[in-house]
């Protein structure tokens, strides 16, 4: 089943997605289909059940979807856990109960302070070779269109402004300690910036040397 087919098959509620997101998600998540995986979904309560159903339909019977919000009674593959991600005890309890996430998808408030805080709090617990998606990043771009989301072109406090700084941070090893190495530079191999969607690929470089062929 394609992600779009999963999307159109959902019966538990309404979902709204940008059309081009489907192919992007499939590019990264195809290898997780029908394999054990844990997905942490940052989502508001009214949309949680439907989105969780979509991801279960797409990822298959071995997936576990953890909605980080209040919600209905959980099902075999869907659980709801509300708490403050700023609280290290809450994060620890999530990992103890469900394991470290293979995938995180932030389709929550889209407010920059929430999005950035969630990313910084979950960055250190995501699995090696995991994936982190942030949806609807255009809400941070233009005040004239998205002022309700505190957007502003060129503002470093938005998620896109923050992501631009992360490009430098990812290259911390090449800055002569101007940017100290940290959990982001140590654990993130790549960033992909799409129209409205950020994707972070996790993994550690075992060797950063430059080599010559002779």
Protein backbone atom coordinates (compact mmCIF):
# COMPACT_ATOMS: atom_id res chain seq x y z
CA UNK A 1 0.00 0.00 0.00
CA UNK A 2 1.32 3.43 -0.92
CA UNK A 3 1.22 6.24 1.61
CA UNK A 4 -1.39 8.01 -0.48
CA UNK A 5 -3.54 4.88 -0.49
CA UNK A 6 -3.15 4.68 3.29
CA UNK A 7 -4.14 8.35 3.52
CA UNK A 8 -7.31 7.89 1.48
CA UNK A 9 -8.23 4.69 3.37
CA UNK A 10 -8.37 6.35 6.80
CA UNK A 11 -11.85 6.21 8.34
CA UNK A 12 -11.26 7.62 11.83
CA UNK A 13 -10.99 11.31 10.95
CA UNK A 14 -9.80 13.99 8.58
CA UNK A 15 -6.16 14.45 7.56
CA UNK A 16 -4.69 17.26 5.50
CA UNK A 17 -1.31 16.80 3.77
CA UNK A 18 0.52 18.59 0.99
CA UNK A 19 0.44 16.34 -2.06
CA UNK A 20 4.20 16.37 -2.62
CA UNK A 21 4.83 15.13 0.93
CA UNK A 22 3.67 11.61 0.05
CA UNK A 23 6.50 10.83 -2.37
CA UNK A 24 9.07 12.40 -0.04
CA UNK A 25 7.96 10.27 2.89
CA UNK A 26 7.97 7.12 0.76
CA UNK A 27 11.53 7.84 -0.35
CA UNK A 28 12.74 7.68 3.24
CA UNK A 29 10.31 5.27 4.88
CA UNK A 30 9.97 2.48 2.32
CA UNK A 31 12.64 0.43 4.10
CA UNK A 32 10.62 0.51 7.34
CA UNK A 33 7.51 -1.06 5.83
CA UNK A 34 6.51 -4.38 7.39
CA UNK A 35 9.45 -4.23 9.78
CA UNK A 36 9.51 -3.48 13.51
CA UNK A 37 9.75 0.27 14.04
CA UNK A 38 8.72 2.89 16.58
CA UNK A 39 7.30 6.21 15.39
CA UNK A 40 6.85 9.16 17.74
CA UNK A 41 4.16 11.44 16.33
CA UNK A 42 3.93 15.02 17.60
CA UNK A 43 0.36 15.96 16.77
CA UNK A 44 -2.62 17.80 18.23
CA UNK A 45 -5.29 15.66 19.84
CA UNK A 46 -8.10 16.18 17.27
CA UNK A 47 -5.95 14.79 14.42
CA UNK A 48 -3.97 12.15 16.30
CA UNK A 49 -6.17 9.11 15.77
CA UNK A 50 -6.52 9.59 12.01
CA UNK A 51 -2.82 10.25 11.44
CA UNK A 52 -1.84 7.27 13.58
CA UNK A 53 -4.20 5.08 11.55
CA UNK A 54 -2.60 6.30 8.32
CA UNK A 55 0.90 5.46 9.52
CA UNK A 56 -0.15 2.01 10.76
CA UNK A 57 -1.75 1.28 7.39
CA UNK A 58 1.39 2.38 5.55
CA UNK A 59 4.12 0.94 7.80
CA UNK A 60 2.36 -2.34 8.49
CA UNK A 61 1.67 -4.76 11.30
CA UNK A 62 5.05 -4.47 13.03
CA UNK A 63 4.97 -0.70 13.53
CA UNK A 64 4.18 1.09 16.78
CA UNK A 65 2.81 4.65 16.62
CA UNK A 66 3.18 6.75 19.77
CA UNK A 67 1.09 9.93 19.66
CA UNK A 68 2.60 12.50 22.01
CA UNK A 69 -0.75 13.96 23.01
CA UNK A 70 -3.93 13.13 24.83
CA UNK A 71 -6.09 10.74 22.91
CA UNK A 72 -8.50 7.90 22.75
CA UNK A 73 -7.88 4.50 24.21
CA UNK A 74 -4.88 3.02 22.49
CA UNK A 75 -5.03 0.10 20.11
CA UNK A 76 -2.58 -2.72 19.54
CA UNK A 77 -0.24 -0.54 17.48
CA UNK A 78 -1.27 2.94 18.62
CA UNK A 79 -0.60 4.57 21.98
CA UNK A 80 -1.18 8.06 23.38
CA UNK A 81 1.13 9.66 25.91
CA UNK A 82 0.74 13.29 26.94
CA UNK A 83 3.56 15.03 28.76
CA UNK A 84 6.13 17.78 28.66
CA UNK A 85 9.03 16.91 26.37
CA UNK A 86 11.14 19.41 28.32
CA UNK A 87 10.93 16.97 31.22
CA UNK A 88 13.78 14.42 30.97
CA UNK A 89 11.83 11.97 33.12
CA UNK A 90 8.96 11.96 30.59
CA UNK A 91 11.40 11.32 27.75
CA UNK A 92 13.06 8.53 29.72
CA UNK A 93 9.69 6.93 30.44
CA UNK A 94 8.83 6.98 26.73
CA UNK A 95 12.04 5.17 25.85
CA UNK A 96 11.64 2.64 28.66
CA UNK A 97 8.08 1.86 27.61
CA UNK A 98 8.40 1.87 23.83
CA UNK A 99 12.10 1.95 23.00
CA UNK A 100 14.00 4.71 21.27
CA UNK A 101 12.16 6.04 18.21
CA UNK A 102 13.23 5.03 14.72
CA UNK A 103 11.15 7.87 13.30
CA UNK A 104 9.89 11.18 14.68
CA UNK A 105 7.31 13.24 12.79
CA UNK A 106 6.46 16.72 14.07
CA UNK A 107 3.08 17.83 12.74
CA UNK A 108 2.17 19.64 15.94
CA UNK A 109 1.53 23.30 16.67
CA UNK A 110 4.00 24.57 14.02
CA UNK A 111 4.92 27.39 16.40
CA UNK A 112 8.70 27.88 16.24
CA UNK A 113 9.31 27.67 19.97
CA UNK A 114 7.42 24.36 20.18
CA UNK A 115 9.02 22.87 17.08
CA UNK A 116 12.56 23.82 18.09
CA UNK A 117 12.08 22.67 21.68
CA UNK A 118 10.71 19.29 20.59
CA UNK A 119 13.60 18.78 18.18
CA UNK A 120 16.23 19.63 20.78
CA UNK A 121 14.62 17.36 23.36
CA UNK A 122 14.18 14.34 21.07
CA UNK A 123 17.41 14.76 19.11
CA UNK A 124 19.44 12.85 21.68
CA UNK A 125 17.14 9.81 22.00
CA UNK A 126 16.39 8.97 18.37
CA UNK A 127 17.99 5.76 17.14
CA UNK A 128 21.18 5.69 15.15
CA UNK A 129 20.09 5.61 11.48
CA UNK A 130 16.75 7.14 12.51
CA UNK A 131 14.78 9.89 10.78
CA UNK A 132 13.24 13.13 12.03
CA UNK A 133 10.62 14.97 9.94
CA UNK A 134 9.29 18.47 10.56
CA UNK A 135 6.18 19.31 8.55
CA UNK A 136 4.75 22.57 7.24
CA UNK A 137 7.91 24.62 7.71
CA UNK A 138 6.54 27.30 5.37
CA UNK A 139 4.47 28.54 8.30
CA UNK A 140 7.69 30.16 9.53
CA UNK A 141 8.57 31.96 6.30
CA UNK A 142 6.35 34.92 5.58
CA UNK A 143 4.58 37.07 8.12
CA UNK A 144 2.05 38.21 5.51
CA UNK A 145 0.84 34.64 4.99
CA UNK A 146 1.47 32.92 8.29
CA UNK A 147 1.45 35.59 10.98
CA UNK A 148 -0.64 33.34 13.24
CA UNK A 149 2.40 31.04 13.43
CA UNK A 150 4.85 33.84 14.26
CA UNK A 151 6.48 33.60 10.85
CA UNK A 152 8.97 36.12 9.53
CA UNK A 153 11.27 35.91 6.52
CA UNK A 154 14.92 35.72 7.61
CA UNK A 155 14.12 35.47 11.32
CA UNK A 156 16.60 33.08 13.03
CA UNK A 157 13.93 32.31 15.61
CA UNK A 158 11.76 30.46 13.09
CA UNK A 159 12.27 26.79 12.32
CA UNK A 160 13.78 27.60 8.91
CA UNK A 161 16.11 30.17 10.45
CA UNK A 162 17.06 27.60 13.08
CA UNK A 163 17.69 24.98 10.39
CA UNK A 164 20.08 27.32 8.56
CA UNK A 165 22.18 27.53 11.72
CA UNK A 166 22.11 23.74 12.01
CA UNK A 167 23.88 23.48 8.67
CA UNK A 168 26.90 25.15 10.29
CA UNK A 169 26.49 23.05 13.41
CA UNK A 170 26.54 19.84 11.36
CA UNK A 171 30.02 20.90 10.17
CA UNK A 172 31.32 21.56 13.69
CA UNK A 173 34.30 19.24 13.18
CA UNK A 174 35.61 21.55 10.45
CA UNK A 175 35.32 24.85 12.32
CA UNK A 176 38.41 24.60 14.52
CA UNK A 177 36.28 24.49 17.68
CA UNK A 178 34.50 27.73 16.78
CA UNK A 179 31.38 25.55 16.93
CA UNK A 180 31.89 22.86 19.58
CA UNK A 181 30.92 19.32 18.62
CA UNK A 182 27.63 18.30 20.22
CA UNK A 183 24.93 15.64 20.00
CA UNK A 184 23.63 17.11 16.75
CA UNK A 185 26.97 17.22 14.94
CA UNK A 186 27.89 13.79 16.31
CA UNK A 187 24.64 12.03 15.41
CA UNK A 188 23.17 13.71 12.32
CA UNK A 189 24.63 12.73 8.95
CA UNK A 190 22.47 14.85 6.68
CA UNK A 191 19.70 17.44 6.41
CA UNK A 192 17.26 17.61 3.52
CA UNK A 193 15.22 20.75 2.97
CA UNK A 194 12.09 20.38 0.88
CA UNK A 195 9.25 22.79 0.23
CA UNK A 196 7.49 22.67 3.58
CA UNK A 197 9.33 19.65 4.97
CA UNK A 198 12.63 19.16 6.80
CA UNK A 199 14.23 15.71 7.04
CA UNK A 200 17.16 14.82 9.31
CA UNK A 201 19.01 11.53 8.81
CA UNK A 202 20.78 10.17 11.86
CA UNK A 203 23.96 8.12 11.88
CA UNK A 204 27.54 8.40 13.03
CA UNK A 205 30.52 8.90 10.77
CA UNK A 206 33.18 6.44 11.89
CA UNK A 207 35.91 8.12 9.86
CA UNK A 208 35.94 11.76 8.73
CA UNK A 209 39.44 11.77 7.25
CA UNK A 210 40.24 12.98 3.78
CA UNK A 211 42.22 10.33 1.87
CA UNK A 212 44.16 10.22 -1.39
CA UNK A 213 44.26 7.41 -3.90
CA UNK A 214 48.12 7.43 -3.98
